[in-house]
Protein backbone atom coordinates (compact mmCIF):
# COMPACT_ATOMS: atom_id res chain seq x y z
CA MET A 1 19.04 41.63 -14.49
CA GLY A 2 19.25 38.57 -16.71
CA LEU A 3 23.01 38.25 -16.29
CA LEU A 4 22.63 38.74 -12.53
CA GLY A 5 20.14 35.86 -12.47
CA ILE A 6 22.60 33.57 -14.25
CA LEU A 7 25.36 34.45 -11.78
CA LEU A 8 23.02 33.95 -8.81
CA GLY A 9 21.99 30.56 -10.16
CA LEU A 10 25.62 29.48 -10.51
CA ALA A 11 26.41 30.79 -7.02
CA LEU A 12 23.46 28.84 -5.61
CA ILE A 13 24.74 25.62 -7.13
CA MET A 14 28.35 26.18 -6.04
CA VAL A 15 27.63 27.17 -2.43
CA LEU A 16 24.84 24.75 -1.57
CA ALA A 17 26.36 21.79 -3.42
CA PHE A 18 29.50 22.24 -1.31
CA ARG A 19 27.22 21.92 1.73
CA SER A 20 26.02 18.56 0.35
CA TRP A 21 22.62 19.67 -0.92
CA THR A 22 21.50 17.41 -3.74
CA ILE A 23 22.06 18.77 -7.24
CA LEU A 24 18.81 17.10 -8.31
CA LEU A 25 16.96 19.94 -6.58
CA LEU A 26 19.59 22.66 -6.79
CA ALA A 27 19.86 22.60 -10.59
CA PRO A 28 16.15 23.20 -11.34
CA LEU A 29 16.00 25.74 -8.52
CA ALA A 30 18.99 27.63 -9.95
CA ALA A 31 17.43 27.45 -13.43
CA ALA A 32 14.20 28.93 -12.02
CA VAL A 33 16.16 31.79 -10.41
CA ALA A 34 17.93 32.54 -13.70
CA ALA A 35 14.65 32.47 -15.61
CA LEU A 36 12.90 34.66 -13.04
CA PHE A 37 15.54 37.40 -13.23
CA SER A 38 15.27 37.30 -17.04
CA GLY A 39 11.50 37.68 -16.95
CA GLN A 40 11.08 34.25 -18.55
CA PRO A 41 8.35 31.65 -17.65
CA MET A 42 9.86 29.40 -14.99
CA LEU A 43 7.55 26.38 -15.33
CA ALA A 44 7.81 26.39 -19.11
CA HIS A 45 11.60 26.44 -18.91
CA TRP A 46 11.54 23.58 -16.38
CA THR A 47 9.38 21.24 -18.47
CA GLN A 48 10.20 22.42 -22.00
CA THR A 49 13.88 23.37 -21.75
CA PHE A 50 15.42 21.84 -18.62
CA MET A 51 13.88 18.36 -18.83
CA PRO A 52 14.45 17.70 -22.57
CA ALA A 53 18.12 18.66 -22.19
CA ALA A 54 18.57 16.48 -19.10
CA ALA A 55 16.76 13.58 -20.75
CA GLY A 56 18.85 13.99 -23.88
CA PHE A 57 22.06 13.69 -21.87
CA VAL A 58 20.79 10.53 -20.16
CA ALA A 59 19.75 9.03 -23.50
CA GLN A 60 23.13 9.78 -25.02
CA PHE A 61 25.51 8.76 -22.24
CA PHE A 62 23.71 6.36 -19.88
CA PRO A 63 25.32 3.29 -21.55
CA LEU A 64 28.75 4.64 -20.63
CA PHE A 65 27.80 5.53 -17.06
CA LEU A 66 26.13 2.13 -16.60
CA LEU A 67 28.89 -0.04 -18.05
CA GLY A 68 31.66 2.09 -16.56
CA ALA A 69 30.22 1.79 -13.04
CA LEU A 70 29.56 -1.94 -13.53
CA PHE A 71 33.11 -2.56 -14.76
CA GLY A 72 34.59 -0.65 -11.83
CA LYS A 73 32.53 -2.62 -9.31
CA LEU A 74 33.40 -5.97 -10.90
CA MET A 75 37.10 -5.07 -10.94
CA ASP A 76 36.89 -4.21 -7.26
CA ASP A 77 34.86 -7.21 -6.12
CA SER A 78 36.98 -9.67 -8.12
CA GLY A 79 40.05 -8.47 -6.23
CA SER A 80 41.67 -7.25 -9.46
CA VAL A 81 42.18 -3.64 -8.33
CA SER A 82 43.69 -4.84 -5.05
CA ALA A 83 45.96 -7.24 -6.96
CA ILE A 84 47.25 -4.38 -9.12
CA ALA A 85 47.79 -2.20 -6.03
CA ASP A 86 49.69 -5.00 -4.28
CA TYR A 87 51.82 -5.59 -7.36
CA MET A 88 52.80 -1.93 -7.51
CA THR A 89 53.58 -2.01 -3.80
CA ARG A 90 55.92 -4.97 -4.21
CA ARG A 91 57.61 -3.70 -7.36
CA LEU A 92 58.23 -0.10 -6.29
CA GLY A 93 58.19 -0.36 -2.50
CA PRO A 94 58.14 2.31 0.23
CA SER A 95 61.20 4.10 -1.19
CA ARG A 96 59.11 5.08 -4.22
CA ALA A 97 55.77 5.34 -2.49
CA ILE A 98 54.54 8.39 -4.42
CA LEU A 99 55.38 6.83 -7.78
CA ALA A 100 53.69 3.57 -6.76
CA VAL A 101 50.42 5.35 -5.90
CA VAL A 102 50.47 7.45 -9.08
CA ALA A 103 51.28 4.45 -11.30
CA ALA A 104 48.63 2.23 -9.74
CA GLY A 105 46.00 4.95 -10.04
CA ALA A 106 46.92 5.65 -13.66
CA MET A 107 46.83 2.00 -14.62
CA VAL A 108 43.39 1.21 -13.22
CA THR A 109 41.67 4.44 -14.32
CA TYR A 110 43.07 4.37 -17.86
CA GLY A 111 41.72 0.84 -18.06
CA GLY A 112 38.22 2.02 -17.19
CA VAL A 113 37.93 1.60 -13.40
CA SER A 114 35.84 4.31 -11.76
CA LEU A 115 37.66 7.04 -9.89
CA PHE A 116 35.93 6.35 -6.57
CA VAL A 117 36.62 2.62 -6.71
CA ALA A 118 40.29 3.53 -7.19
CA PHE A 119 40.17 5.95 -4.24
CA PHE A 120 38.78 3.44 -1.77
CA VAL A 121 41.19 0.68 -2.81
CA LEU A 122 44.37 2.69 -3.35
CA ALA A 123 44.09 4.93 -0.28
CA PRO A 124 44.83 2.10 2.23
CA MET A 125 47.67 0.89 0.00
CA GLY A 126 49.08 4.42 -0.15
CA GLN A 127 48.78 4.94 3.59
CA ALA A 128 50.77 1.76 4.27
CA LEU A 129 53.44 2.68 1.71
CA PHE A 130 53.74 6.27 2.89
CA LYS A 131 54.03 5.18 6.51
CA ALA A 132 56.71 2.58 5.72
CA GLY A 133 58.65 5.12 3.66
CA SER A 134 58.17 8.00 6.17
CA VAL A 135 56.46 10.06 3.45
CA PRO A 136 54.10 12.71 4.86
CA ARG A 137 50.50 11.50 4.77
CA ARG A 138 49.38 14.96 3.64
CA LEU A 139 50.92 14.26 0.18
CA LEU A 140 48.76 11.18 -0.43
CA PRO A 141 45.65 13.00 -1.77
CA ALA A 142 47.76 14.82 -4.36
CA ALA A 143 49.40 11.57 -5.46
CA LEU A 144 45.97 9.97 -5.84
CA ALA A 145 44.68 12.99 -7.77
CA LEU A 146 47.66 12.93 -10.14
CA GLY A 147 47.29 9.22 -10.89
CA THR A 148 43.51 9.08 -11.24
CA SER A 149 42.16 12.52 -12.18
CA THR A 150 44.58 14.16 -14.59
CA PHE A 151 46.18 12.62 -17.68
CA THR A 152 44.23 9.33 -17.62
CA MET A 153 40.96 11.25 -17.45
CA SER A 154 41.54 13.94 -20.04
CA ALA A 155 44.68 13.46 -22.12
CA MET A 156 45.61 9.83 -22.76
CA PRO A 157 44.34 8.73 -26.20
CA GLY A 158 41.44 6.31 -25.96
CA THR A 159 40.71 6.78 -22.27
CA PRO A 160 37.19 5.45 -21.53
CA ALA A 161 36.52 8.27 -19.04
CA ILE A 162 33.13 9.90 -19.59
CA GLN A 163 34.88 13.25 -19.96
CA ASN A 164 36.62 11.94 -23.08
CA ALA A 165 33.31 10.69 -24.50
CA ILE A 166 31.23 13.84 -24.08
CA PRO A 167 32.74 15.88 -26.98
CA MET A 168 32.35 13.03 -29.48
CA PRO A 169 28.71 13.66 -30.49
CA PHE A 170 29.35 17.41 -30.71
CA PHE A 171 32.49 17.22 -32.84
CA GLY A 172 32.06 13.86 -34.59
CA THR A 173 35.33 12.61 -33.10
CA THR A 174 36.58 9.39 -31.48
CA PRO A 175 38.14 8.58 -28.08
CA PHE A 176 41.54 8.73 -29.80
CA ALA A 177 41.19 12.35 -30.97
CA ALA A 178 44.55 14.17 -31.36
CA PRO A 179 46.61 11.27 -29.92
CA GLY A 180 50.00 12.95 -30.28
CA LEU A 181 48.89 16.07 -28.44
CA GLY A 182 47.22 13.90 -25.80
CA ILE A 183 50.44 12.01 -25.14
CA ILE A 184 52.43 15.24 -24.90
CA ALA A 185 49.88 16.65 -22.45
CA SER A 186 50.04 13.43 -20.40
CA ILE A 187 53.83 13.64 -20.15
CA ILE A 188 53.63 17.28 -19.04
CA MET A 189 51.03 16.57 -16.37
CA ALA A 190 52.89 13.54 -15.02
CA ALA A 191 56.27 15.32 -15.05
CA ILE A 192 55.04 18.45 -13.26
CA GLY A 193 52.98 16.48 -10.75
CA LEU A 194 55.70 13.99 -9.88
CA GLY A 195 58.33 16.72 -9.85
CA TRP A 196 56.32 18.79 -7.38
CA LEU A 197 55.53 15.85 -5.09
CA SER A 198 59.17 14.72 -5.09
CA PHE A 199 60.23 18.26 -4.21
CA ARG A 200 57.74 18.36 -1.33
CA GLU A 201 58.91 14.96 -0.11
CA ARG A 202 62.53 16.12 -0.05
CA GLN A 203 61.49 19.29 1.78
CA ALA A 204 59.68 17.24 4.42
CA LYS A 205 62.61 14.88 4.95
CA ALA A 206 65.01 17.80 5.28
CA ARG A 207 62.81 19.11 8.12
CA GLY A 208 62.65 15.69 9.72
CA GLU A 209 58.92 15.38 9.03
CA GLY A 210 57.63 11.82 8.94
CA TYR A 211 54.30 10.23 8.11
CA GLY A 212 52.42 12.19 10.76
CA ALA A 213 49.29 11.49 12.74
CA ALA A 214 46.00 11.21 10.90
CA GLU A 215 43.57 14.07 11.22
CA LYS A 216 39.85 13.75 10.90
CA GLY A 217 38.98 14.58 7.30
CA SER A 218 35.62 15.61 5.94
CA ALA A 219 32.88 13.02 5.72
CA VAL A 220 32.27 11.56 2.28
CA SER A 221 29.32 13.36 0.74
CA ARG A 222 27.39 11.05 -1.55
CA GLU A 223 25.60 13.94 -3.25
CA LEU A 224 28.74 15.99 -3.84
CA ALA A 225 30.80 13.01 -4.96
CA SER A 226 28.19 11.75 -7.41
CA THR A 227 28.08 15.10 -9.17
CA ALA A 228 31.85 15.08 -9.69
CA ARG A 229 32.32 11.58 -11.08
CA GLU A 230 30.43 8.65 -12.55
CA PHE A 231 30.20 6.26 -9.57
CA ASP A 232 27.96 6.45 -6.49
CA PRO A 233 30.31 5.83 -3.52
CA ALA A 234 27.44 4.40 -1.46
CA GLN A 235 27.70 1.22 -3.58
CA ILE A 236 31.39 0.53 -2.97
CA SER A 237 30.94 -1.51 0.21
CA ARG A 238 28.14 -3.72 -1.14
CA ALA A 239 28.84 -7.35 -2.12
CA GLY A 240 32.64 -7.76 -2.22
CA SER A 241 34.93 -10.72 -2.84
CA TRP A 242 35.90 -13.83 -0.92
CA GLY A 243 39.32 -12.29 -0.34
CA GLY A 244 41.19 -14.15 -3.08
CA ARG A 245 43.02 -12.10 -5.69
CA PRO A 246 43.79 -13.04 -9.27
CA PRO A 247 47.36 -13.18 -10.61
CA ILE A 248 48.59 -9.83 -11.88
CA GLY A 249 48.31 -10.85 -15.54
CA LEU A 250 44.68 -11.83 -15.06
CA ALA A 251 43.99 -8.63 -13.10
CA ILE A 252 45.41 -6.40 -15.83
CA LEU A 253 43.84 -8.23 -18.79
CA PRO A 254 40.38 -6.55 -18.54
CA LEU A 255 42.05 -3.12 -18.47
CA VAL A 256 44.04 -3.96 -21.59
CA LEU A 257 40.89 -5.25 -23.28
CA VAL A 258 39.08 -1.95 -22.75
CA VAL A 259 41.81 -0.02 -24.56
CA VAL A 260 42.45 -2.58 -27.32
CA VAL A 261 38.80 -3.33 -28.14
CA ASN A 262 38.05 0.40 -28.11
CA LEU A 263 40.90 1.02 -30.57
CA ILE A 264 39.92 -1.83 -32.91
CA LEU A 265 36.27 -0.80 -33.00
CA THR A 266 37.04 2.88 -33.50
CA GLN A 267 39.71 2.57 -36.15
CA PHE A 268 38.78 -0.59 -38.06
CA VAL A 269 35.47 -2.32 -37.34
CA LEU A 270 32.89 0.45 -37.22
CA PRO A 271 34.30 2.50 -40.16
CA SER A 272 34.20 -0.61 -42.36
CA MET A 273 30.47 -1.22 -41.78
CA ASP A 274 27.51 0.36 -43.53
CA PHE A 275 25.50 2.60 -41.21
CA ASP A 276 23.68 4.66 -43.83
CA PHE A 277 20.39 3.64 -42.22
CA LEU A 278 21.18 5.96 -39.31
CA SER A 279 20.20 8.91 -41.51
CA GLN A 280 16.60 7.76 -41.52
CA PRO A 281 14.06 9.44 -39.17
CA ALA A 282 13.48 6.14 -37.36
CA TRP A 283 17.09 6.28 -36.11
CA GLY A 284 17.19 9.96 -35.23
CA GLU A 285 18.67 11.16 -38.51
CA THR A 286 22.17 10.88 -37.12
CA THR A 287 25.54 9.70 -38.41
CA LEU A 288 28.16 7.18 -37.36
CA SER A 289 30.52 10.00 -36.40
CA ALA A 290 27.96 11.22 -33.86
CA VAL A 291 27.39 7.86 -32.15
CA GLY A 292 30.38 5.68 -33.07
CA GLY A 293 32.58 6.93 -30.25
CA VAL A 294 30.00 6.09 -27.60
CA TRP A 295 29.37 2.71 -29.22
CA SER A 296 33.06 1.77 -29.24
CA VAL A 297 33.63 2.65 -25.58
CA ALA A 298 30.41 0.94 -24.48
CA LEU A 299 31.22 -2.26 -26.37
CA ALA A 300 34.80 -2.26 -25.05
CA LEU A 301 33.54 -2.01 -21.47
CA LEU A 302 30.94 -4.72 -22.10
CA VAL A 303 33.54 -7.13 -23.52
CA ALA A 304 35.83 -6.44 -20.55
CA CYS A 305 32.97 -7.08 -18.08
CA ILE A 306 32.13 -10.42 -19.72
CA VAL A 307 35.76 -11.57 -19.73
CA LEU A 308 36.25 -10.35 -16.16
CA VAL A 309 33.29 -12.35 -14.86
CA ALA A 310 34.24 -15.45 -16.88
CA MET A 311 37.77 -15.52 -15.48
CA ASN A 312 36.94 -14.62 -11.87
CA ARG A 313 33.54 -16.24 -11.30
CA ARG A 314 34.58 -17.99 -8.08
CA ARG A 315 36.18 -14.90 -6.59
CA PHE A 316 32.90 -12.99 -6.25
CA ARG A 317 31.12 -13.30 -2.94
CA ASN A 318 27.77 -12.68 -4.62
CA LEU A 319 27.97 -12.00 -8.36
CA ARG A 320 24.35 -10.93 -8.71
CA GLU A 321 24.71 -8.40 -5.89
CA SER A 322 27.95 -7.07 -7.38
CA ILE A 323 26.21 -6.58 -10.74
CA ASP A 324 23.19 -4.96 -9.10
CA SER A 325 25.42 -2.68 -7.05
CA GLY A 326 27.51 -1.65 -10.05
CA ALA A 327 24.43 -0.86 -12.13
CA THR A 328 22.82 1.09 -9.29
CA ALA A 329 26.02 3.09 -8.80
CA ALA A 330 25.49 4.73 -12.20
CA VAL A 331 22.05 6.19 -11.47
CA LEU A 332 22.72 9.07 -9.08
CA PRO A 333 25.83 10.32 -10.94
CA ILE A 334 24.17 10.48 -14.36
CA MET A 335 21.04 12.10 -12.96
CA SER A 336 23.19 14.66 -11.14
CA VAL A 337 25.19 15.57 -14.23
CA ALA A 338 22.03 15.56 -16.36
CA SER A 339 20.50 18.07 -13.95
CA LEU A 340 23.50 20.35 -14.45
CA VAL A 341 23.06 19.96 -18.20
CA GLY A 342 19.40 20.96 -17.84
CA PHE A 343 20.43 24.06 -15.94
CA GLY A 344 22.90 24.91 -18.70
CA ALA A 345 20.20 24.53 -21.34
CA VAL A 346 17.96 27.00 -19.53
CA VAL A 347 20.83 29.49 -19.19
CA ALA A 348 21.70 29.13 -22.88
CA ALA A 349 18.07 29.86 -23.81
CA LEU A 350 17.95 33.16 -21.90
CA PRO A 351 18.43 36.47 -23.72
CA ALA A 352 21.23 37.47 -21.34
CA PHE A 353 23.30 34.49 -22.48
CA GLU A 354 24.04 36.33 -25.71
CA MET A 355 26.27 38.64 -23.67
CA VAL A 356 28.13 35.64 -22.23
CA ARG A 357 28.44 34.05 -25.67
CA ASP A 358 29.79 37.23 -27.24
CA TRP A 359 32.29 37.65 -24.41
CA VAL A 360 33.56 34.08 -24.76
CA LEU A 361 33.89 34.28 -28.53
CA GLY A 362 35.56 37.67 -28.24
CA ILE A 363 38.40 36.41 -26.08
CA GLY A 364 41.72 36.93 -27.84
CA GLY A 365 43.78 33.98 -28.97
CA GLY A 366 41.32 32.27 -31.29
CA PRO A 367 38.60 29.64 -30.90
CA LEU A 368 40.77 27.18 -28.97
CA VAL A 369 41.37 29.73 -26.22
CA SER A 370 37.68 30.65 -26.16
CA LEU A 371 36.68 26.99 -25.88
CA ALA A 372 39.22 26.37 -23.11
CA VAL A 373 38.12 29.42 -21.08
CA ALA A 374 34.42 28.61 -21.38
CA THR A 375 34.93 24.98 -20.33
CA ASN A 376 37.30 25.95 -17.51
CA ILE A 377 34.93 28.49 -16.01
CA LEU A 378 31.86 26.25 -16.14
CA ALA A 379 33.73 23.24 -14.76
CA ALA A 380 35.00 25.40 -11.91
CA LEU A 381 31.58 26.85 -11.08
CA THR A 382 29.73 23.53 -11.22
CA GLY A 383 32.48 21.48 -9.58
CA SER A 384 32.05 18.92 -12.35
CA ALA A 385 34.29 18.32 -15.36
CA SER A 386 31.58 16.44 -17.25
CA GLY A 387 28.79 18.84 -16.27
CA GLY A 388 30.76 21.99 -17.04
CA MET A 389 31.99 20.67 -20.39
CA THR A 390 28.52 19.53 -21.47
CA ILE A 391 27.01 22.92 -20.62
CA ALA A 392 29.75 24.66 -22.61
CA LEU A 393 29.42 22.38 -25.63
CA GLN A 394 25.63 22.42 -25.71
CA ALA A 395 25.63 26.20 -25.63
CA LEU A 396 28.62 26.88 -27.86
CA GLY A 397 29.46 23.61 -29.63
CA PRO A 398 27.61 24.40 -32.89
CA THR A 399 29.28 27.82 -33.01
CA PHE A 400 32.73 26.30 -32.57
CA MET A 401 31.99 23.68 -35.23
CA GLN A 402 31.02 26.45 -37.63
CA ILE A 403 34.24 28.28 -36.83
CA ALA A 404 36.17 25.06 -37.41
CA SER A 405 34.46 24.61 -40.77
CA ASP A 406 35.22 28.18 -41.81
CA THR A 407 38.85 28.16 -40.69
CA GLY A 408 39.84 24.55 -41.36
CA LEU A 409 40.35 23.80 -37.66
CA ASP A 410 40.37 20.06 -36.95
CA PRO A 411 37.47 19.03 -34.62
CA ALA A 412 39.82 16.47 -33.03
CA LEU A 413 41.92 19.34 -31.73
CA MET A 414 38.86 21.03 -30.24
CA HIS A 415 37.92 17.70 -28.65
CA ARG A 416 41.26 17.36 -26.89
CA VAL A 417 41.32 21.01 -25.77
CA ALA A 418 37.79 20.77 -24.34
CA VAL A 419 38.52 17.57 -22.42
CA ILE A 420 41.80 18.81 -20.93
CA ALA A 421 40.19 22.16 -20.04
CA SER A 422 37.36 20.39 -18.21
CA GLY A 423 39.88 18.65 -15.96
CA THR A 424 41.67 21.74 -14.67
CA LEU A 425 39.60 24.10 -12.52
CA ASP A 426 37.05 21.37 -11.77
CA SER A 427 39.38 20.43 -8.87
CA LEU A 428 38.56 23.51 -6.79
CA PRO A 429 37.83 22.94 -3.07
CA HIS A 430 34.09 22.31 -3.59
CA ASN A 431 34.65 19.50 -6.11
CA GLY A 432 33.15 16.22 -4.91
CA ALA A 433 36.16 14.16 -5.95
CA VAL A 434 38.49 16.42 -3.94
CA VAL A 435 36.28 16.24 -0.84
CA THR A 436 35.99 12.45 -1.14
CA MET A 437 39.71 12.00 -1.72
CA LEU A 438 40.58 14.02 1.38
CA ALA A 439 38.04 12.08 3.42
CA VAL A 440 39.31 8.60 2.51
CA CYS A 441 42.91 9.71 3.14
CA GLY A 442 42.06 11.24 6.53
CA CYS A 443 43.36 14.66 5.47
CA THR A 444 41.98 18.18 5.39
CA HIS A 445 41.96 20.99 2.84
CA ARG A 446 44.36 22.94 5.05
CA GLU A 447 46.91 20.12 5.01
CA SER A 448 46.75 18.86 1.46
CA TYR A 449 44.99 21.22 -0.91
CA LEU A 450 48.08 23.18 -2.01
CA ASP A 451 49.66 19.96 -3.27
CA ILE A 452 46.43 18.99 -5.05
CA VAL A 453 46.48 22.38 -6.78
CA MET A 454 50.01 21.84 -8.05
CA ALA A 455 49.58 18.18 -9.04
CA ALA A 456 46.08 18.33 -10.54
CA ILE A 457 45.38 21.95 -11.53
CA VAL A 458 48.69 23.65 -12.37
CA SER A 459 50.00 20.59 -14.23
CA ALA A 460 46.80 20.37 -16.28
CA LEU A 461 46.79 24.12 -17.02
CA VAL A 462 50.38 23.98 -18.30
CA ALA A 463 49.49 20.97 -20.45
CA LEU A 464 46.42 22.80 -21.77
CA VAL A 465 48.51 25.81 -22.79
CA ALA A 466 51.02 23.52 -24.50
CA VAL A 467 48.28 21.74 -26.46
CA ILE A 468 46.73 25.04 -27.57
CA VAL A 469 50.12 26.44 -28.67
CA LEU A 470 51.16 23.26 -30.49
CA GLY A 471 47.70 22.77 -32.00
CA THR A 472 47.61 26.36 -33.26
CA ALA A 473 51.08 26.05 -34.77
CA PHE A 474 50.96 22.51 -36.22
CA GLY A 475 47.31 21.44 -36.17
CA SER A 476 46.01 18.19 -34.73
CA PHE A 477 48.31 15.17 -34.60
């Protein structure tokens, strides 16, 4: 009965979240169902298990959600994202429309711009390019997904995406964990995605298919979207710019700063400083390895925000409103993911979870395969890469760290496997980012989802297998 309750709770989240019910209520309700079927006290689990886990997630990662959303909003309202999109349009043109969309998406998201900000800016650019180049509109969501939600989210070393930050406290790693494997995975994802989209474009042209008429896509669901990524789409239209755009060098500079400052802090500045005081009870009895990764990403985003405002002050229509909007955009996403984390904590505390744990650890292929399967399944069921990965790591992270200690497995390798695994099956049809992407492109699941599967799921799965095989054979590099 306990296992049935866990499955019912997951089904409740998956089905009702897809119908745009708020996860803030669904997660505690699903946790109560799981506890009830296990014969456990529901109220005690809500206040003593669910809430501490959710609050712990907020305490640990709110700086990244806050500064990431703020940076994305400032990049948008300063005209910097539009300037980068226009530059890609001019340089690559309609004849390479798919590559232009993928490259623009990769550039802005690797630099720290929120996924949804990229969607709402790049979709109009992509529609114009695809129309001019007679590329079928139905391929646009897959091109956006490839550029914004695959290698720059989970594989590229140093990416400031929240998904890349979540494993750091569990494994004591940095944003640059297993850089060589991350680069290889990025190349695989990009090659498979671009290869598939080019093949589909050639197919369409051979049939004489052009851009096509726009269909009515699904409405953007604020609740569903906020669970999937770290920006509340309701805040995108607030404030804005005067319409002026910075030169391309000025537009790209904040993105470069995020990566460079992150690298310098991670590799040189923080390791050279004395943080022995963190072991004291007053500071949570922690270590630099547990918090340094979050600190480096947060400081990199903060520096980029300051430089961005200083260089573009006159381009903001209302700077205070842009800042307020960016900060507000972080609240619903982090509370949504934290609620999923609370649900996962309740599930992990139930007696029936021992069966799940034993099954995961008993999967053949070693700990890397077990970690990948657990993260994949939970990301798929919750429709959230960050939520699914956090649930998996909170429940099984200490076990995997013990295995790593016993076998000599590098935690950096586990970090990269977990992050890439979280970004595979999270792109199922009920994922908020997928629904939002289809909506802003004016497409439907029927038209475009197959191409999303190939560009965002199959490419990531192949890259994940490659990383596991290479990591098992040669270790982390």
